[in-house]
């Protein structure tokens, strides 16, 4: 599934019961795991998210951002959506 975020938009904190892979295709964005610094992302980057890792991803404040989200075994791999990413968390 290809997802495009408008500048400044992002997912909520969430967890997948299985692996998620992000293949970044355009723009600039961010990926952050709970308790770790956010990582900048750009076209050509890939992120392998392990099962059970609380995280969020989205666009930089000044750029749209697109990625392909690969969810292996989608019938078994479920999402748990959590709280919104605060402005303070996003701007760090």
PDB file of N, CA and C in Angstrom:
ATOM      1  N   UNK A   1       0.841  -1.166   0.000  1.00  0.00           N
ATOM      2  CA  UNK A   1       0.000   0.000   0.000  1.00  0.00           C
ATOM      3  C   UNK A   1       0.892   1.238   0.000  1.00  0.00           C
ATOM      4  N   UNK A   2       0.647   2.163  -0.933  1.00  0.00           N
ATOM      5  CA  UNK A   2       1.378   3.426  -0.979  1.00  0.00           C
ATOM      6  C   UNK A   2       0.611   4.473  -0.177  1.00  0.00           C
ATOM      7  N   UNK A   3       1.342   5.180   0.672  1.00  0.00           N
ATOM      8  CA  UNK A   3       0.739   6.194   1.533  1.00  0.00           C
ATOM      9  C   UNK A   3       1.494   7.506   1.331  1.00  0.00           C
ATOM     10  N   UNK A   4       0.754   8.598   1.155  1.00  0.00           N
ATOM     11  CA  UNK A   4       1.359   9.924   1.052  1.00  0.00           C
ATOM     12  C   UNK A   4       0.821  10.793   2.176  1.00  0.00           C
ATOM     13  N   UNK A   5       1.753  11.392   2.915  1.00  0.00           N
ATOM     14  CA  UNK A   5       1.423  12.296   4.014  1.00  0.00           C
ATOM     15  C   UNK A   5       1.627  13.730   3.548  1.00  0.00           C
ATOM     16  N   UNK A   6       0.693  14.609   3.859  1.00  0.00           N
ATOM     17  CA  UNK A   6       0.901  16.042   3.649  1.00  0.00           C
ATOM     18  C   UNK A   6       1.966  16.523   4.629  1.00  0.00           C
ATOM     19  N   UNK A   7       2.625  17.615   4.309  1.00  0.00           N
ATOM     20  CA  UNK A   7       3.646  18.177   5.194  1.00  0.00           C
ATOM     21  C   UNK A   7       3.086  18.312   6.610  1.00  0.00           C
ATOM     22  N   UNK A   8       3.833  17.829   7.587  1.00  0.00           N
ATOM     23  CA  UNK A   8       3.451  17.943   8.991  1.00  0.00           C
ATOM     24  C   UNK A   8       2.494  16.877   9.491  1.00  0.00           C
ATOM     25  N   UNK A   9       1.995  16.009   8.615  1.00  0.00           N
ATOM     26  CA  UNK A   9       1.058  14.983   9.092  1.00  0.00           C
ATOM     27  C   UNK A   9       1.798  13.686   9.405  1.00  0.00           C
ATOM     28  N   UNK A  10       1.186  12.889  10.267  1.00  0.00           N
ATOM     29  CA  UNK A  10       1.826  11.654  10.715  1.00  0.00           C
ATOM     30  C   UNK A  10       0.770  10.710  11.271  1.00  0.00           C
ATOM     31  N   UNK A  11       1.194   9.452  11.469  1.00  0.00           N
ATOM     32  CA  UNK A  11       0.320   8.469  12.084  1.00  0.00           C
ATOM     33  C   UNK A  11       0.222   8.757  13.575  1.00  0.00           C
ATOM     34  N   UNK A  12      -0.606   7.993  14.240  1.00  0.00           N
ATOM     35  CA  UNK A  12      -0.608   7.938  15.700  1.00  0.00           C
ATOM     36  C   UNK A  12       0.483   6.951  16.108  1.00  0.00           C
ATOM     37  N   UNK A  13       0.826   6.925  17.375  1.00  0.00           N
ATOM     38  CA  UNK A  13       1.652   5.843  17.888  1.00  0.00           C
ATOM     39  C   UNK A  13       0.875   4.558  17.627  1.00  0.00           C
ATOM     40  N   UNK A  14       1.567   3.508  17.214  1.00  0.00           N
ATOM     41  CA  UNK A  14       0.894   2.242  16.965  1.00  0.00           C
ATOM     42  C   UNK A  14       1.869   1.080  17.050  1.00  0.00           C
ATOM     43  N   UNK A  15       1.288  -0.123  17.099  1.00  0.00           N
ATOM     44  CA  UNK A  15       2.041  -1.367  17.200  1.00  0.00           C
ATOM     45  C   UNK A  15       1.455  -2.338  16.185  1.00  0.00           C
ATOM     46  N   UNK A  16       2.308  -3.112  15.538  1.00  0.00           N
ATOM     47  CA  UNK A  16       1.877  -4.199  14.665  1.00  0.00           C
ATOM     48  C   UNK A  16       2.212  -5.513  15.355  1.00  0.00           C
ATOM     49  N   UNK A  17       1.353  -6.496  15.226  1.00  0.00           N
ATOM     50  CA  UNK A  17       1.629  -7.791  15.843  1.00  0.00           C
ATOM     51  C   UNK A  17       2.670  -8.582  15.052  1.00  0.00           C
ATOM     52  N   UNK A  18       2.919  -8.162  13.817  1.00  0.00           N
ATOM     53  CA  UNK A  18       3.960  -8.755  12.973  1.00  0.00           C
ATOM     54  C   UNK A  18       4.862  -7.656  12.441  1.00  0.00           C
ATOM     55  N   UNK A  19       5.713  -8.011  11.523  1.00  0.00           N
ATOM     56  CA  UNK A  19       6.658  -7.067  10.917  1.00  0.00           C
ATOM     57  C   UNK A  19       5.930  -6.058  10.024  1.00  0.00           C
ATOM     58  N   UNK A  20       6.469  -4.844   9.935  1.00  0.00           N
ATOM     59  CA  UNK A  20       6.068  -3.853   8.935  1.00  0.00           C
ATOM     60  C   UNK A  20       7.343  -3.365   8.270  1.00  0.00           C
ATOM     61  N   UNK A  21       7.300  -3.191   6.954  1.00  0.00           N
ATOM     62  CA  UNK A  21       8.436  -2.661   6.212  1.00  0.00           C
ATOM     63  C   UNK A  21       7.980  -1.392   5.508  1.00  0.00           C
ATOM     64  N   UNK A  22       8.750  -0.313   5.671  1.00  0.00           N
ATOM     65  CA  UNK A  22       8.480   0.942   4.973  1.00  0.00           C
ATOM     66  C   UNK A  22       9.543   1.136   3.904  1.00  0.00           C
ATOM     67  N   UNK A  23       9.112   1.354   2.666  1.00  0.00           N
ATOM     68  CA  UNK A  23      10.007   1.680   1.566  1.00  0.00           C
ATOM     69  C   UNK A  23       9.709   3.119   1.171  1.00  0.00           C
ATOM     70  N   UNK A  24      10.599   4.021   1.490  1.00  0.00           N
ATOM     71  CA  UNK A  24      10.374   5.452   1.282  1.00  0.00           C
ATOM     72  C   UNK A  24      10.567   5.792  -0.191  1.00  0.00           C
ATOM     73  N   UNK A  25       9.599   6.501  -0.769  1.00  0.00           N
ATOM     74  CA  UNK A  25       9.605   6.740  -2.208  1.00  0.00           C
ATOM     75  C   UNK A  25       9.697   8.206  -2.610  1.00  0.00           C
ATOM     76  N   UNK A  26       9.325   9.150  -1.751  1.00  0.00           N
ATOM     77  CA  UNK A  26       9.363  10.563  -2.137  1.00  0.00           C
ATOM     78  C   UNK A  26       9.317  11.450  -0.899  1.00  0.00           C
ATOM     79  N   UNK A  27       9.928  12.616  -1.004  1.00  0.00           N
ATOM     80  CA  UNK A  27       9.877  13.619   0.057  1.00  0.00           C
ATOM     81  C   UNK A  27      10.770  13.287   1.244  1.00  0.00           C
ATOM     82  N   UNK A  28      10.461  13.963   2.353  1.00  0.00           N
ATOM     83  CA  UNK A  28      11.212  13.782   3.597  1.00  0.00           C
ATOM     84  C   UNK A  28      10.235  13.500   4.732  1.00  0.00           C
ATOM     85  N   UNK A  29      10.627  12.597   5.614  1.00  0.00           N
ATOM     86  CA  UNK A  29       9.756  12.241   6.722  1.00  0.00           C
ATOM     87  C   UNK A  29      10.533  11.807   7.940  1.00  0.00           C
ATOM     88  N   UNK A  30       9.793  11.219   8.882  1.00  0.00           N
ATOM     89  CA  UNK A  30      10.355  10.787  10.158  1.00  0.00           C
ATOM     90  C   UNK A  30       9.811   9.417  10.539  1.00  0.00           C
ATOM     91  N   UNK A  31      10.632   8.673  11.270  1.00  0.00           N
ATOM     92  CA  UNK A  31      10.230   7.415  11.895  1.00  0.00           C
ATOM     93  C   UNK A  31      10.768   7.451  13.318  1.00  0.00           C
ATOM     94  N   UNK A  32       9.926   7.094  14.289  1.00  0.00           N
ATOM     95  CA  UNK A  32      10.388   7.083  15.679  1.00  0.00           C
ATOM     96  C   UNK A  32       9.810   5.897  16.417  1.00  0.00           C
ATOM     97  N   UNK A  33      10.681   5.216  17.162  1.00  0.00           N
ATOM     98  CA  UNK A  33      10.264   4.172  18.095  1.00  0.00           C
ATOM     99  C   UNK A  33      10.180   4.798  19.477  1.00  0.00           C
ATOM    100  N   UNK A  34       9.210   4.374  20.258  1.00  0.00           N
ATOM    101  CA  UNK A  34       9.014   4.902  21.611  1.00  0.00           C
ATOM    102  C   UNK A  34      10.314   4.784  22.399  1.00  0.00           C
ATOM    103  N   UNK A  35      10.737   5.896  23.022  1.00  0.00           N
ATOM    104  CA  UNK A  35      11.931   5.917  23.852  1.00  0.00           C
ATOM    105  C   UNK A  35      13.232   6.131  23.096  1.00  0.00           C
ATOM    106  N   UNK A  36      13.164   6.303  21.768  1.00  0.00           N
ATOM    107  CA  UNK A  36      14.361   6.521  20.948  1.00  0.00           C
ATOM    108  C   UNK A  36      14.215   7.811  20.157  1.00  0.00           C
ATOM    109  N   UNK A  37      15.326   8.399  19.712  1.00  0.00           N
ATOM    110  CA  UNK A  37      15.232   9.605  18.877  1.00  0.00           C
ATOM    111  C   UNK A  37      14.584   9.307  17.524  1.00  0.00           C
ATOM    112  N   UNK A  38      13.910  10.289  16.968  1.00  0.00           N
ATOM    113  CA  UNK A  38      13.320  10.154  15.636  1.00  0.00           C
ATOM    114  C   UNK A  38      14.432  10.070  14.592  1.00  0.00           C
ATOM    115  N   UNK A  39      14.181   9.286  13.546  1.00  0.00           N
ATOM    116  CA  UNK A  39      15.125   9.121  12.451  1.00  0.00           C
ATOM    117  C   UNK A  39      14.582   9.810  11.205  1.00  0.00           C
ATOM    118  N   UNK A  40      15.392  10.648  10.553  1.00  0.00           N
ATOM    119  CA  UNK A  40      14.929  11.255   9.307  1.00  0.00           C
ATOM    120  C   UNK A  40      14.866  10.214   8.198  1.00  0.00           C
ATOM    121  N   UNK A  41      13.893  10.375   7.310  1.00  0.00           N
ATOM    122  CA  UNK A  41      13.719   9.464   6.181  1.00  0.00           C
ATOM    123  C   UNK A  41      13.632  10.257   4.891  1.00  0.00           C
ATOM    124  N   UNK A  42      14.111   9.638   3.806  1.00  0.00           N
ATOM    125  CA  UNK A  42      13.997  10.232   2.476  1.00  0.00           C
ATOM    126  C   UNK A  42      13.859   9.117   1.448  1.00  0.00           C
ATOM    127  N   UNK A  43      13.555   9.485   0.219  1.00  0.00           N
ATOM    128  CA  UNK A  43      13.384   8.497  -0.844  1.00  0.00           C
ATOM    129  C   UNK A  43      14.600   7.580  -0.904  1.00  0.00           C
ATOM    130  N   UNK A  44      14.341   6.284  -1.002  1.00  0.00           N
ATOM    131  CA  UNK A  44      15.402   5.286  -1.062  1.00  0.00           C
ATOM    132  C   UNK A  44      15.663   4.600   0.258  1.00  0.00           C
ATOM    133  N   UNK A  45      15.198   5.186   1.371  1.00  0.00           N
ATOM    134  CA  UNK A  45      15.387   4.562   2.685  1.00  0.00           C
ATOM    135  C   UNK A  45      14.378   3.434   2.878  1.00  0.00           C
ATOM    136  N   UNK A  46      14.765   2.477   3.702  1.00  0.00           N
ATOM    137  CA  UNK A  46      13.868   1.385   4.081  1.00  0.00           C
ATOM    138  C   UNK A  46      13.944   1.206   5.588  1.00  0.00           C
ATOM    139  N   UNK A  47      12.809   0.893   6.195  1.00  0.00           N
ATOM    140  CA  UNK A  47      12.734   0.668   7.638  1.00  0.00           C
ATOM    141  C   UNK A  47      12.067  -0.681   7.871  1.00  0.00           C
ATOM    142  N   UNK A  48      12.721  -1.536   8.646  1.00  0.00           N
ATOM    143  CA  UNK A  48      12.160  -2.833   9.024  1.00  0.00           C
ATOM    144  C   UNK A  48      11.718  -2.727  10.475  1.00  0.00           C
ATOM    145  N   UNK A  49      10.416  -2.742  10.718  1.00  0.00           N
ATOM    146  CA  UNK A  49       9.862  -2.548  12.048  1.00  0.00           C
ATOM    147  C   UNK A  49       9.490  -3.915  12.621  1.00  0.00           C
ATOM    148  N   UNK A  50      10.100  -4.251  13.717  1.00  0.00           N
ATOM    149  CA  UNK A  50       9.895  -5.552  14.351  1.00  0.00           C
ATOM    150  C   UNK A  50       8.515  -5.629  15.013  1.00  0.00           C
ATOM    151  N   UNK A  51       7.967  -6.817  15.137  1.00  0.00           N
ATOM    152  CA  UNK A  51       6.671  -6.988  15.805  1.00  0.00           C
ATOM    153  C   UNK A  51       6.694  -6.428  17.232  1.00  0.00           C
ATOM    154  N   UNK A  52       5.610  -5.773  17.612  1.00  0.00           N
ATOM    155  CA  UNK A  52       5.455  -5.288  18.978  1.00  0.00           C
ATOM    156  C   UNK A  52       6.151  -3.989  19.304  1.00  0.00           C
ATOM    157  N   UNK A  53       6.800  -3.344  18.311  1.00  0.00           N
ATOM    158  CA  UNK A  53       7.527  -2.088  18.555  1.00  0.00           C
ATOM    159  C   UNK A  53       6.561  -0.908  18.405  1.00  0.00           C
ATOM    160  N   UNK A  54       6.401  -0.129  19.454  1.00  0.00           N
ATOM    161  CA  UNK A  54       5.549   1.061  19.403  1.00  0.00           C
ATOM    162  C   UNK A  54       6.283   2.136  18.612  1.00  0.00           C
ATOM    163  N   UNK A  55       5.608   2.710  17.603  1.00  0.00           N
ATOM    164  CA  UNK A  55       6.268   3.661  16.713  1.00  0.00           C
ATOM    165  C   UNK A  55       5.247   4.563  16.004  1.00  0.00           C
ATOM    166  N   UNK A  56       5.783   5.558  15.312  1.00  0.00           N
ATOM    167  CA  UNK A  56       4.989   6.386  14.406  1.00  0.00           C
ATOM    168  C   UNK A  56       5.855   6.755  13.218  1.00  0.00           C
ATOM    169  N   UNK A  57       5.224   7.206  12.132  1.00  0.00           N
ATOM    170  CA  UNK A  57       5.950   7.697  10.967  1.00  0.00           C
ATOM    171  C   UNK A  57       5.087   8.717  10.254  1.00  0.00           C
ATOM    172  N   UNK A  58       5.743   9.629   9.539  1.00  0.00           N
ATOM    173  CA  UNK A  58       5.005  10.659   8.826  1.00  0.00           C
ATOM    174  C   UNK A  58       5.931  11.640   8.151  1.00  0.00           C
ATOM    175  N   UNK A  59       5.350  12.724   7.660  1.00  0.00           N
ATOM    176  CA  UNK A  59       6.071  13.725   6.878  1.00  0.00           C
ATOM    177  C   UNK A  59       6.824  14.708   7.764  1.00  0.00           C
ATOM    178  N   UNK A  60       7.884  15.263   7.206  1.00  0.00           N
ATOM    179  CA  UNK A  60       8.560  16.397   7.833  1.00  0.00           C
ATOM    180  C   UNK A  60       7.609  17.598   7.790  1.00  0.00           C
ATOM    181  N   UNK A  61       7.884  18.592   8.600  1.00  0.00           N
ATOM    182  CA  UNK A  61       6.985  19.744   8.681  1.00  0.00           C
ATOM    183  C   UNK A  61       6.947  20.562   7.394  1.00  0.00           C
ATOM    184  N   UNK A  62       7.966  20.424   6.543  1.00  0.00           N
ATOM    185  CA  UNK A  62       8.067  21.251   5.335  1.00  0.00           C
ATOM    186  C   UNK A  62       8.060  20.438   4.041  1.00  0.00           C
ATOM    187  N   UNK A  63       7.625  19.167   4.096  1.00  0.00           N
ATOM    188  CA  UNK A  63       7.689  18.322   2.905  1.00  0.00           C
ATOM    189  C   UNK A  63       6.601  17.254   2.935  1.00  0.00           C
ATOM    190  N   UNK A  64       6.005  16.991   1.784  1.00  0.00           N
ATOM    191  CA  UNK A  64       5.188  15.788   1.680  1.00  0.00           C
ATOM    192  C   UNK A  64       6.121  14.587   1.794  1.00  0.00           C
ATOM    193  N   UNK A  65       5.554  13.439   2.089  1.00  0.00           N
ATOM    194  CA  UNK A  65       6.351  12.226   2.255  1.00  0.00           C
ATOM    195  C   UNK A  65       5.523  11.023   1.836  1.00  0.00           C
ATOM    196  N   UNK A  66       6.101  10.164   1.013  1.00  0.00           N
ATOM    197  CA  UNK A  66       5.405   8.956   0.572  1.00  0.00           C
ATOM    198  C   UNK A  66       6.240   7.726   0.885  1.00  0.00           C
ATOM    199  N   UNK A  67       5.536   6.667   1.247  1.00  0.00           N
ATOM    200  CA  UNK A  67       6.210   5.380   1.418  1.00  0.00           C
ATOM    201  C   UNK A  67       5.257   4.257   1.040  1.00  0.00           C
ATOM    202  N   UNK A  68       5.849   3.126   0.724  1.00  0.00           N
ATOM    203  CA  UNK A  68       5.101   1.900   0.532  1.00  0.00           C
ATOM    204  C   UNK A  68       5.165   1.158   1.854  1.00  0.00           C
ATOM    205  N   UNK A  69       4.022   0.741   2.357  1.00  0.00           N
ATOM    206  CA  UNK A  69       3.957  -0.026   3.596  1.00  0.00           C
ATOM    207  C   UNK A  69       3.696  -1.485   3.239  1.00  0.00           C
ATOM    208  N   UNK A  70       4.617  -2.349   3.645  1.00  0.00           N
ATOM    209  CA  UNK A  70       4.478  -3.772   3.403  1.00  0.00           C
ATOM    210  C   UNK A  70       4.169  -4.445   4.732  1.00  0.00           C
ATOM    211  N   UNK A  71       3.047  -5.143   4.767  1.00  0.00           N
ATOM    212  CA  UNK A  71       2.620  -5.874   5.957  1.00  0.00           C
ATOM    213  C   UNK A  71       2.575  -7.361   5.587  1.00  0.00           C
ATOM    214  N   UNK A  72       3.651  -8.096   5.888  1.00  0.00           N
ATOM    215  CA  UNK A  72       3.606  -9.529   5.601  1.00  0.00           C
ATOM    216  C   UNK A  72       2.496 -10.210   6.411  1.00  0.00           C
ATOM    217  N   UNK A  73       1.869 -11.204   5.805  1.00  0.00           N
ATOM    218  CA  UNK A  73       0.836 -11.988   6.466  1.00  0.00           C
ATOM    219  C   UNK A  73      -0.266 -11.100   7.057  1.00  0.00           C
ATOM    220  N   UNK A  74      -0.942 -10.303   6.233  1.00  0.00           N
ATOM    221  CA  UNK A  74      -1.918  -9.328   6.753  1.00  0.00           C
ATOM    222  C   UNK A  74      -3.088  -9.931   7.519  1.00  0.00           C
ATOM    223  N   UNK A  75      -3.435 -11.181   7.265  1.00  0.00           N
ATOM    224  CA  UNK A  75      -4.544 -11.794   8.009  1.00  0.00           C
ATOM    225  C   UNK A  75      -4.176 -12.000   9.476  1.00  0.00           C
ATOM    226  N   UNK A  76      -2.894 -12.170   9.745  1.00  0.00           N
ATOM    227  CA  UNK A  76      -2.414 -12.397  11.120  1.00  0.00           C
ATOM    228  C   UNK A  76      -1.812 -11.137  11.749  1.00  0.00           C
ATOM    229  N   UNK A  77      -1.320 -10.236  10.926  1.00  0.00           N
ATOM    230  CA  UNK A  77      -0.600  -9.046  11.398  1.00  0.00           C
ATOM    231  C   UNK A  77      -1.592  -7.911  11.639  1.00  0.00           C
ATOM    232  N   UNK A  78      -1.907  -7.662  12.897  1.00  0.00           N
ATOM    233  CA  UNK A  78      -2.918  -6.673  13.263  1.00  0.00           C
ATOM    234  C   UNK A  78      -2.271  -5.416  13.840  1.00  0.00           C
ATOM    235  N   UNK A  79      -2.947  -4.279  13.638  1.00  0.00           N
ATOM    236  CA  UNK A  79      -2.501  -2.989  14.169  1.00  0.00           C
ATOM    237  C   UNK A  79      -3.209  -2.698  15.480  1.00  0.00           C
ATOM    238  N   UNK A  80      -2.496  -2.084  16.398  1.00  0.00           N
ATOM    239  CA  UNK A  80      -3.097  -1.517  17.598  1.00  0.00           C
ATOM    240  C   UNK A  80      -2.757  -0.033  17.589  1.00  0.00           C
ATOM    241  N   UNK A  81      -3.776   0.810  17.418  1.00  0.00           N
ATOM    242  CA  UNK A  81      -3.581   2.254  17.345  1.00  0.00           C
ATOM    243  C   UNK A  81      -3.662   2.841  18.744  1.00  0.00           C
ATOM    244  N   UNK A  82      -2.735   3.720  19.055  1.00  0.00           N
ATOM    245  CA  UNK A  82      -2.598   4.297  20.389  1.00  0.00           C
ATOM    246  C   UNK A  82      -2.824   5.809  20.325  1.00  0.00           C
ATOM    247  N   UNK A  83      -2.235   6.546  21.254  1.00  0.00           N
ATOM    248  CA  UNK A  83      -2.459   7.987  21.341  1.00  0.00           C
ATOM    249  C   UNK A  83      -1.807   8.735  20.178  1.00  0.00           C
ATOM    250  N   UNK A  84      -2.279   9.956  19.973  1.00  0.00           N
ATOM    251  CA  UNK A  84      -1.703  10.825  18.947  1.00  0.00           C
ATOM    252  C   UNK A  84      -0.278  11.215  19.333  1.00  0.00           C
ATOM    253  N   UNK A  85       0.542  11.448  18.320  1.00  0.00           N
ATOM    254  CA  UNK A  85       1.891  11.973  18.538  1.00  0.00           C
ATOM    255  C   UNK A  85       1.731  13.456  18.862  1.00  0.00           C
ATOM    256  N   UNK A  86       2.207  13.858  20.019  1.00  0.00           N
ATOM    257  CA  UNK A  86       2.044  15.261  20.434  1.00  0.00           C
ATOM    258  C   UNK A  86       2.945  16.175  19.602  1.00  0.00           C
ATOM    259  N   UNK A  87       2.607  17.434  19.569  1.00  0.00           N
ATOM    260  CA  UNK A  87       3.461  18.419  18.887  1.00  0.00           C
ATOM    261  C   UNK A  87       4.858  18.420  19.496  1.00  0.00           C
ATOM    262  N   UNK A  88       4.934  18.277  20.809  1.00  0.00           N
ATOM    263  CA  UNK A  88       6.245  18.249  21.486  1.00  0.00           C
ATOM    264  C   UNK A  88       7.068  17.052  21.009  1.00  0.00           C
ATOM    265  N   UNK A  89       6.460  15.880  20.933  1.00  0.00           N
ATOM    266  CA  UNK A  89       7.173  14.686  20.460  1.00  0.00           C
ATOM    267  C   UNK A  89       7.595  14.866  18.986  1.00  0.00           C
ATOM    268  N   UNK A  90       6.699  15.421  18.170  1.00  0.00           N
ATOM    269  CA  UNK A  90       6.966  15.589  16.744  1.00  0.00           C
ATOM    270  C   UNK A  90       8.103  16.576  16.506  1.00  0.00           C
ATOM    271  N   UNK A  91       8.178  17.614  17.292  1.00  0.00           N
ATOM    272  CA  UNK A  91       9.155  18.676  17.051  1.00  0.00           C
ATOM    273  C   UNK A  91      10.531  18.392  17.649  1.00  0.00           C
ATOM    274  N   UNK A  92      10.682  17.303  18.396  1.00  0.00           N
ATOM    275  CA  UNK A  92      11.994  16.990  18.988  1.00  0.00           C
ATOM    276  C   UNK A  92      13.001  16.562  17.964  1.00  0.00           C
TER     277      UNK A  92
END
